[in-house]
Amino acid sequence: MKPRSVLLPLLLVPLAAVLLFQVNHAVAGIAASPLMIAAHLMLAALLLLPLWLNKVWLGNALAVEGWPAIQARGKARFILIFGVLGRGVPLTLFIFGMSSVAQSKPALSMGPALLFWLLLGAWFAHTQWRQLERANKTQDKQ
């Protein structure tokens, strides 16, 4: 794995922590303290970890097995694992958690909005599938 692949998520953690803190400060009035900053850094790292692991999984699968092996397993499986579970679920949990903090209780009435994030994860995977197919076709022509 390239160092760039590791460093970018590490740079995103502080940015995500600042965003989370600003939202919680504006909505819930949370004051800045070393403990709150550390908590938001940990939360941001936990939120970005599944996205990073998903990227590592795809990179390793492409390096070890290659695109034809992934393609042979099927598009539906790829969309389910890479999109819905790898992208949609973390986004859904993030939105659910932020809404629950803002309302000071679990935001269980957000069902349709949470479904949107799962579908968005599937769309991301569908787009990635198409990009990988095009890249493979281009590579085969050369």
N, C-alpha and C. Protein backbone atom coordinates (compact mmCIF):
# COMPACT_ATOMS: atom_id res chain seq x y z
N MET A 1 0.85 -1.17 0.00
CA MET A 1 0.00 0.00 0.00
C MET A 1 0.90 1.24 0.00
N LYS A 2 0.48 2.23 -0.75
CA LYS A 2 1.27 3.45 -0.87
C LYS A 2 1.11 4.31 0.38
N PRO A 3 2.17 5.05 0.76
CA PRO A 3 2.06 5.93 1.93
C PRO A 3 0.95 6.97 1.77
N ARG A 4 0.70 7.39 0.54
CA ARG A 4 -0.35 8.36 0.29
C ARG A 4 -1.71 7.83 0.73
N SER A 5 -1.93 6.53 0.55
CA SER A 5 -3.19 5.91 0.93
C SER A 5 -3.40 5.91 2.43
N VAL A 6 -2.32 5.93 3.19
CA VAL A 6 -2.42 5.95 4.65
C VAL A 6 -2.50 7.38 5.17
N LEU A 7 -1.74 8.28 4.56
CA LEU A 7 -1.66 9.65 5.06
C LEU A 7 -2.93 10.45 4.83
N LEU A 8 -3.58 10.26 3.70
CA LEU A 8 -4.78 11.04 3.42
C LEU A 8 -5.87 10.84 4.47
N PRO A 9 -6.20 9.60 4.85
CA PRO A 9 -7.20 9.44 5.91
C PRO A 9 -6.76 10.05 7.24
N LEU A 10 -5.46 9.99 7.52
CA LEU A 10 -4.97 10.59 8.77
C LEU A 10 -5.12 12.12 8.74
N LEU A 11 -4.99 12.71 7.57
CA LEU A 11 -5.20 14.16 7.45
C LEU A 11 -6.68 14.52 7.52
N LEU A 12 -7.54 13.60 7.11
CA LEU A 12 -8.97 13.87 7.15
C LEU A 12 -9.55 13.79 8.56
N VAL A 13 -8.91 13.04 9.45
CA VAL A 13 -9.43 12.89 10.81
C VAL A 13 -9.53 14.23 11.53
N PRO A 14 -8.48 15.06 11.56
CA PRO A 14 -8.63 16.36 12.25
C PRO A 14 -9.68 17.26 11.59
N LEU A 15 -9.77 17.21 10.27
CA LEU A 15 -10.78 18.02 9.59
C LEU A 15 -12.19 17.56 9.94
N ALA A 16 -12.40 16.25 9.97
CA ALA A 16 -13.71 15.71 10.36
C ALA A 16 -14.01 16.03 11.81
N ALA A 17 -12.99 15.99 12.67
CA ALA A 17 -13.19 16.31 14.09
C ALA A 17 -13.61 17.76 14.27
N VAL A 18 -13.00 18.66 13.51
CA VAL A 18 -13.39 20.08 13.58
C VAL A 18 -14.83 20.25 13.12
N LEU A 19 -15.19 19.57 12.04
CA LEU A 19 -16.56 19.65 11.55
C LEU A 19 -17.55 19.12 12.58
N LEU A 20 -17.25 17.97 13.16
CA LEU A 20 -18.14 17.40 14.19
C LEU A 20 -18.27 18.34 15.38
N PHE A 21 -17.15 18.90 15.82
CA PHE A 21 -17.19 19.79 16.96
C PHE A 21 -18.01 21.05 16.65
N GLN A 22 -17.83 21.61 15.46
CA GLN A 22 -18.58 22.81 15.10
C GLN A 22 -20.08 22.54 15.06
N VAL A 23 -20.46 21.39 14.52
CA VAL A 23 -21.88 21.03 14.49
C VAL A 23 -22.41 20.86 15.91
N ASN A 24 -21.68 20.14 16.75
CA ASN A 24 -22.14 19.93 18.13
C ASN A 24 -22.12 21.23 18.92
N HIS A 25 -21.19 22.10 18.65
CA HIS A 25 -21.13 23.39 19.33
C HIS A 25 -22.33 24.27 18.93
N ALA A 26 -22.63 24.29 17.65
CA ALA A 26 -23.75 25.12 17.17
C ALA A 26 -25.10 24.57 17.60
N VAL A 27 -25.25 23.26 17.57
CA VAL A 27 -26.55 22.65 17.84
C VAL A 27 -26.77 22.40 19.33
N ALA A 28 -25.78 21.81 19.98
CA ALA A 28 -25.96 21.40 21.37
C ALA A 28 -25.24 22.32 22.36
N GLY A 29 -24.49 23.29 21.87
CA GLY A 29 -23.81 24.23 22.75
C GLY A 29 -22.65 23.63 23.52
N ILE A 30 -22.00 22.62 22.97
CA ILE A 30 -20.87 21.98 23.64
C ILE A 30 -19.69 22.94 23.67
N ALA A 31 -19.09 23.11 24.84
CA ALA A 31 -17.96 24.02 25.00
C ALA A 31 -16.65 23.32 24.64
N ALA A 32 -15.69 24.11 24.17
CA ALA A 32 -14.38 23.56 23.82
C ALA A 32 -13.57 23.26 25.08
N SER A 33 -13.10 22.05 25.18
CA SER A 33 -12.23 21.63 26.27
C SER A 33 -11.32 20.54 25.71
N PRO A 34 -10.19 20.30 26.34
CA PRO A 34 -9.32 19.23 25.83
C PRO A 34 -10.03 17.87 25.76
N LEU A 35 -10.88 17.60 26.72
CA LEU A 35 -11.61 16.33 26.71
C LEU A 35 -12.58 16.26 25.51
N MET A 36 -13.29 17.34 25.23
CA MET A 36 -14.23 17.35 24.10
C MET A 36 -13.49 17.27 22.78
N ILE A 37 -12.36 17.93 22.67
CA ILE A 37 -11.58 17.87 21.44
C ILE A 37 -11.06 16.45 21.21
N ALA A 38 -10.56 15.82 22.28
CA ALA A 38 -10.09 14.44 22.17
C ALA A 38 -11.24 13.50 21.81
N ALA A 39 -12.40 13.71 22.39
CA ALA A 39 -13.56 12.87 22.08
C ALA A 39 -13.97 13.02 20.62
N HIS A 40 -13.94 14.24 20.10
CA HIS A 40 -14.30 14.45 18.71
C HIS A 40 -13.24 13.89 17.75
N LEU A 41 -11.97 13.93 18.14
CA LEU A 41 -10.93 13.30 17.32
C LEU A 41 -11.13 11.79 17.26
N MET A 42 -11.45 11.18 18.40
CA MET A 42 -11.69 9.74 18.43
C MET A 42 -12.93 9.38 17.62
N LEU A 43 -13.98 10.17 17.75
CA LEU A 43 -15.21 9.91 17.00
C LEU A 43 -14.96 10.03 15.50
N ALA A 44 -14.21 11.04 15.10
CA ALA A 44 -13.91 11.21 13.68
C ALA A 44 -13.09 10.04 13.16
N ALA A 45 -12.12 9.57 13.94
CA ALA A 45 -11.32 8.42 13.53
C ALA A 45 -12.19 7.17 13.40
N LEU A 46 -13.11 6.98 14.33
CA LEU A 46 -14.01 5.81 14.26
C LEU A 46 -14.96 5.90 13.08
N LEU A 47 -15.37 7.11 12.73
CA LEU A 47 -16.27 7.27 11.59
C LEU A 47 -15.54 7.06 10.26
N LEU A 48 -14.28 7.47 10.18
CA LEU A 48 -13.54 7.33 8.94
C LEU A 48 -12.89 5.96 8.78
N LEU A 49 -12.75 5.22 9.87
CA LEU A 49 -12.11 3.91 9.82
C LEU A 49 -12.81 2.93 8.86
N PRO A 50 -14.14 2.79 8.89
CA PRO A 50 -14.77 1.86 7.93
C PRO A 50 -14.56 2.28 6.47
N LEU A 51 -14.55 3.57 6.20
CA LEU A 51 -14.32 4.02 4.83
C LEU A 51 -12.89 3.70 4.39
N TRP A 52 -11.94 3.88 5.29
CA TRP A 52 -10.55 3.57 4.98
C TRP A 52 -10.37 2.06 4.79
N LEU A 53 -10.97 1.27 5.68
CA LEU A 53 -10.86 -0.19 5.56
C LEU A 53 -11.49 -0.69 4.25
N ASN A 54 -12.57 -0.04 3.84
CA ASN A 54 -13.22 -0.40 2.59
C ASN A 54 -12.28 -0.14 1.42
N LYS A 55 -11.59 0.98 1.46
CA LYS A 55 -10.64 1.31 0.40
C LYS A 55 -9.48 0.32 0.39
N VAL A 56 -8.99 -0.03 1.56
CA VAL A 56 -7.90 -1.01 1.66
C VAL A 56 -8.35 -2.36 1.13
N TRP A 57 -9.58 -2.76 1.48
CA TRP A 57 -10.12 -4.04 1.01
C TRP A 57 -10.15 -4.07 -0.51
N LEU A 58 -10.65 -3.03 -1.13
CA LEU A 58 -10.74 -3.00 -2.59
C LEU A 58 -9.35 -2.99 -3.21
N GLY A 59 -8.44 -2.18 -2.66
CA GLY A 59 -7.08 -2.15 -3.20
C GLY A 59 -6.39 -3.49 -3.12
N ASN A 60 -6.54 -4.17 -1.98
CA ASN A 60 -5.93 -5.50 -1.83
C ASN A 60 -6.58 -6.52 -2.76
N ALA A 61 -7.88 -6.46 -2.89
CA ALA A 61 -8.57 -7.40 -3.77
C ALA A 61 -8.13 -7.21 -5.22
N LEU A 62 -7.97 -5.96 -5.63
CA LEU A 62 -7.53 -5.71 -7.01
C LEU A 62 -6.08 -6.13 -7.20
N ALA A 63 -5.24 -5.92 -6.19
CA ALA A 63 -3.82 -6.28 -6.31
C ALA A 63 -3.62 -7.79 -6.29
N VAL A 64 -4.35 -8.49 -5.43
CA VAL A 64 -4.13 -9.93 -5.27
C VAL A 64 -4.90 -10.73 -6.32
N GLU A 65 -6.18 -10.46 -6.43
CA GLU A 65 -7.03 -11.28 -7.30
C GLU A 65 -7.15 -10.70 -8.70
N GLY A 66 -7.15 -9.38 -8.80
CA GLY A 66 -7.34 -8.75 -10.09
C GLY A 66 -8.80 -8.48 -10.38
N TRP A 67 -9.02 -7.61 -11.33
CA TRP A 67 -10.39 -7.22 -11.68
C TRP A 67 -11.22 -8.38 -12.21
N PRO A 68 -10.69 -9.27 -13.06
CA PRO A 68 -11.53 -10.37 -13.57
C PRO A 68 -12.13 -11.25 -12.47
N ALA A 69 -11.37 -11.50 -11.40
CA ALA A 69 -11.89 -12.32 -10.30
C ALA A 69 -13.01 -11.60 -9.56
N ILE A 70 -12.85 -10.29 -9.34
CA ILE A 70 -13.90 -9.52 -8.67
C ILE A 70 -15.13 -9.45 -9.56
N GLN A 71 -14.90 -9.25 -10.85
CA GLN A 71 -16.02 -9.16 -11.79
C GLN A 71 -16.76 -10.49 -11.88
N ALA A 72 -16.04 -11.61 -11.75
CA ALA A 72 -16.68 -12.93 -11.83
C ALA A 72 -17.63 -13.17 -10.66
N ARG A 73 -17.35 -12.57 -9.51
CA ARG A 73 -18.24 -12.74 -8.34
C ARG A 73 -19.56 -12.01 -8.51
N GLY A 74 -19.59 -11.01 -9.37
CA GLY A 74 -20.84 -10.35 -9.66
C GLY A 74 -20.93 -8.93 -9.15
N LYS A 75 -21.69 -8.16 -9.90
CA LYS A 75 -21.88 -6.75 -9.59
C LYS A 75 -22.71 -6.56 -8.32
N ALA A 76 -23.73 -7.40 -8.13
CA ALA A 76 -24.60 -7.26 -6.96
C ALA A 76 -23.82 -7.45 -5.67
N ARG A 77 -22.93 -8.44 -5.64
CA ARG A 77 -22.11 -8.67 -4.44
C ARG A 77 -21.17 -7.49 -4.19
N PHE A 78 -20.58 -6.97 -5.25
CA PHE A 78 -19.68 -5.83 -5.14
C PHE A 78 -20.43 -4.61 -4.58
N ILE A 79 -21.62 -4.36 -5.09
CA ILE A 79 -22.40 -3.21 -4.63
C ILE A 79 -22.82 -3.41 -3.17
N LEU A 80 -23.18 -4.63 -2.80
CA LEU A 80 -23.57 -4.88 -1.42
C LEU A 80 -22.39 -4.69 -0.46
N ILE A 81 -21.26 -5.29 -0.77
CA ILE A 81 -20.11 -5.21 0.15
C ILE A 81 -19.44 -3.85 0.09
N PHE A 82 -19.05 -3.43 -1.10
CA PHE A 82 -18.29 -2.19 -1.24
C PHE A 82 -19.18 -0.96 -1.04
N GLY A 83 -20.42 -1.02 -1.53
CA GLY A 83 -21.28 0.15 -1.48
C GLY A 83 -22.14 0.25 -0.24
N VAL A 84 -23.03 -0.70 -0.07
CA VAL A 84 -24.00 -0.60 1.03
C VAL A 84 -23.31 -0.78 2.38
N LEU A 85 -22.52 -1.85 2.52
CA LEU A 85 -21.87 -2.10 3.81
C LEU A 85 -20.65 -1.21 4.04
N GLY A 86 -19.87 -1.00 3.00
CA GLY A 86 -18.62 -0.25 3.16
C GLY A 86 -18.76 1.25 3.12
N ARG A 87 -19.74 1.75 2.42
CA ARG A 87 -19.93 3.20 2.32
C ARG A 87 -21.25 3.65 2.93
N GLY A 88 -22.33 2.97 2.60
CA GLY A 88 -23.66 3.39 3.05
C GLY A 88 -23.87 3.29 4.55
N VAL A 89 -23.43 2.20 5.15
CA VAL A 89 -23.62 2.02 6.60
C VAL A 89 -22.83 3.06 7.40
N PRO A 90 -21.55 3.32 7.09
CA PRO A 90 -20.86 4.38 7.85
C PRO A 90 -21.52 5.76 7.69
N LEU A 91 -21.97 6.08 6.47
CA LEU A 91 -22.65 7.36 6.27
C LEU A 91 -23.96 7.41 7.06
N THR A 92 -24.69 6.32 7.06
CA THR A 92 -25.95 6.25 7.80
C THR A 92 -25.71 6.40 9.29
N LEU A 93 -24.72 5.71 9.81
CA LEU A 93 -24.41 5.82 11.24
C LEU A 93 -23.96 7.23 11.61
N PHE A 94 -23.22 7.86 10.73
CA PHE A 94 -22.77 9.23 10.99
C PHE A 94 -23.98 10.17 11.08
N ILE A 95 -24.87 10.10 10.10
CA ILE A 95 -26.05 10.98 10.10
C ILE A 95 -26.95 10.67 11.28
N PHE A 96 -27.15 9.39 11.58
CA PHE A 96 -27.97 9.01 12.73
C PHE A 96 -27.37 9.54 14.03
N GLY A 97 -26.06 9.38 14.19
CA GLY A 97 -25.39 9.85 15.40
C GLY A 97 -25.46 11.36 15.55
N MET A 98 -25.21 12.08 14.47
CA MET A 98 -25.26 13.54 14.55
C MET A 98 -26.68 14.03 14.84
N SER A 99 -27.67 13.40 14.23
CA SER A 99 -29.06 13.80 14.50
C SER A 99 -29.47 13.46 15.92
N SER A 100 -28.99 12.34 16.42
CA SER A 100 -29.31 11.96 17.80
C SER A 100 -28.68 12.92 18.79
N VAL A 101 -27.45 13.38 18.51
CA VAL A 101 -26.81 14.37 19.39
C VAL A 101 -27.59 15.67 19.36
N ALA A 102 -28.01 16.08 18.17
CA ALA A 102 -28.74 17.35 18.03
C ALA A 102 -30.08 17.31 18.76
N GLN A 103 -30.74 16.15 18.75
CA GLN A 103 -32.05 16.04 19.38
C GLN A 103 -31.97 15.54 20.81
N SER A 104 -30.79 15.18 21.27
CA SER A 104 -30.56 14.63 22.61
C SER A 104 -31.33 13.33 22.86
N LYS A 105 -31.69 12.64 21.80
CA LYS A 105 -32.35 11.34 21.89
C LYS A 105 -32.15 10.64 20.55
N PRO A 106 -32.30 9.33 20.49
CA PRO A 106 -32.14 8.63 19.21
C PRO A 106 -33.13 9.13 18.16
N ALA A 107 -32.63 9.39 16.98
CA ALA A 107 -33.45 9.92 15.89
C ALA A 107 -34.05 8.77 15.08
N LEU A 108 -34.94 8.01 15.72
CA LEU A 108 -35.51 6.83 15.07
C LEU A 108 -36.53 7.18 13.99
N SER A 109 -37.01 8.42 13.98
CA SER A 109 -38.00 8.81 12.98
C SER A 109 -37.36 9.15 11.64
N MET A 110 -36.06 8.96 11.52
CA MET A 110 -35.34 9.34 10.31
C MET A 110 -35.24 8.20 9.29
N GLY A 111 -36.07 7.20 9.36
CA GLY A 111 -35.97 6.03 8.49
C GLY A 111 -35.75 6.34 7.02
N PRO A 112 -36.62 7.13 6.38
CA PRO A 112 -36.42 7.41 4.95
C PRO A 112 -35.11 8.15 4.66
N ALA A 113 -34.73 9.07 5.53
CA ALA A 113 -33.47 9.80 5.33
C ALA A 113 -32.28 8.87 5.46
N LEU A 114 -32.34 7.93 6.40
CA LEU A 114 -31.25 6.98 6.58
C LEU A 114 -31.17 6.02 5.39
N LEU A 115 -32.31 5.64 4.85
CA LEU A 115 -32.34 4.78 3.66
C LEU A 115 -31.65 5.47 2.49
N PHE A 116 -31.80 6.78 2.40
CA PHE A 116 -31.13 7.55 1.33
C PHE A 116 -29.62 7.33 1.36
N TRP A 117 -29.02 7.33 2.55
CA TRP A 117 -27.57 7.18 2.66
C TRP A 117 -27.12 5.78 2.28
N LEU A 118 -27.94 4.78 2.57
CA LEU A 118 -27.62 3.42 2.13
C LEU A 118 -27.67 3.33 0.61
N LEU A 119 -28.67 3.96 0.01
CA LEU A 119 -28.78 3.98 -1.45
C LEU A 119 -27.64 4.77 -2.08
N LEU A 120 -27.21 5.83 -1.42
CA LEU A 120 -26.09 6.61 -1.92
C LEU A 120 -24.81 5.77 -1.91
N GLY A 121 -24.63 4.96 -0.89
CA GLY A 121 -23.48 4.05 -0.85
C GLY A 121 -23.53 3.06 -2.01
N ALA A 122 -24.72 2.55 -2.32
CA ALA A 122 -24.87 1.64 -3.46
C ALA A 122 -24.54 2.36 -4.76
N TRP A 123 -24.95 3.61 -4.88
CA TRP A 123 -24.65 4.39 -6.08
C TRP A 123 -23.15 4.61 -6.22
N PHE A 124 -22.47 4.91 -5.11
CA PHE A 124 -21.01 5.06 -5.14
C PHE A 124 -20.36 3.78 -5.67
N ALA A 125 -20.82 2.63 -5.20
CA ALA A 125 -20.25 1.35 -5.63
C ALA A 125 -20.53 1.10 -7.10
N HIS A 126 -21.74 1.43 -7.55
CA HIS A 126 -22.08 1.26 -8.97
C HIS A 126 -21.16 2.12 -9.84
N THR A 127 -20.92 3.34 -9.41
CA THR A 127 -20.01 4.23 -10.15
C THR A 127 -18.60 3.67 -10.15
N GLN A 128 -18.13 3.16 -9.01
CA GLN A 128 -16.80 2.56 -8.93
C GLN A 128 -16.70 1.35 -9.84
N TRP A 129 -17.75 0.54 -9.90
CA TRP A 129 -17.77 -0.64 -10.77
C TRP A 129 -17.57 -0.23 -12.22
N ARG A 130 -18.31 0.80 -12.64
CA ARG A 130 -18.19 1.28 -14.02
C ARG A 130 -16.79 1.80 -14.31
N GLN A 131 -16.19 2.51 -13.36
CA GLN A 131 -14.83 3.01 -13.55
C GLN A 131 -13.84 1.86 -13.68
N LEU A 132 -14.00 0.84 -12.86
CA LEU A 132 -13.11 -0.31 -12.93
C LEU A 132 -13.28 -1.07 -14.24
N GLU A 133 -14.50 -1.19 -14.73
CA GLU A 133 -14.73 -1.83 -16.02
C GLU A 133 -14.06 -1.07 -17.15
N ARG A 134 -14.22 0.26 -17.13
CA ARG A 134 -13.60 1.08 -18.18
C ARG A 134 -12.08 0.99 -18.12
N ALA A 135 -11.53 1.03 -16.91
CA ALA A 135 -10.07 0.94 -16.75
C ALA A 135 -9.56 -0.41 -17.24
N ASN A 136 -10.31 -1.47 -17.00
CA ASN A 136 -9.91 -2.79 -17.44
C ASN A 136 -9.99 -2.91 -18.96
N LYS A 137 -11.01 -2.33 -19.58
CA LYS A 137 -11.13 -2.36 -21.03
C LYS A 137 -9.99 -1.58 -21.68
N THR A 138 -9.65 -0.44 -21.10
CA THR A 138 -8.54 0.37 -21.62
C THR A 138 -7.23 -0.37 -21.50
N GLN A 139 -7.03 -1.06 -20.38
CA GLN A 139 -5.80 -1.80 -20.16
C GLN A 139 -5.71 -2.98 -21.12
N ASP A 140 -6.84 -3.62 -21.41
CA ASP A 140 -6.84 -4.76 -22.34
C ASP A 140 -6.49 -4.34 -23.76
N LYS A 141 -6.85 -3.11 -24.15
CA LYS A 141 -6.58 -2.62 -25.51
C LYS A 141 -5.10 -2.33 -25.71
N GLN A 142 -4.40 -2.02 -24.62
CA GLN A 142 -2.99 -1.65 -24.76
C GLN A 142 -2.11 -2.82 -24.82
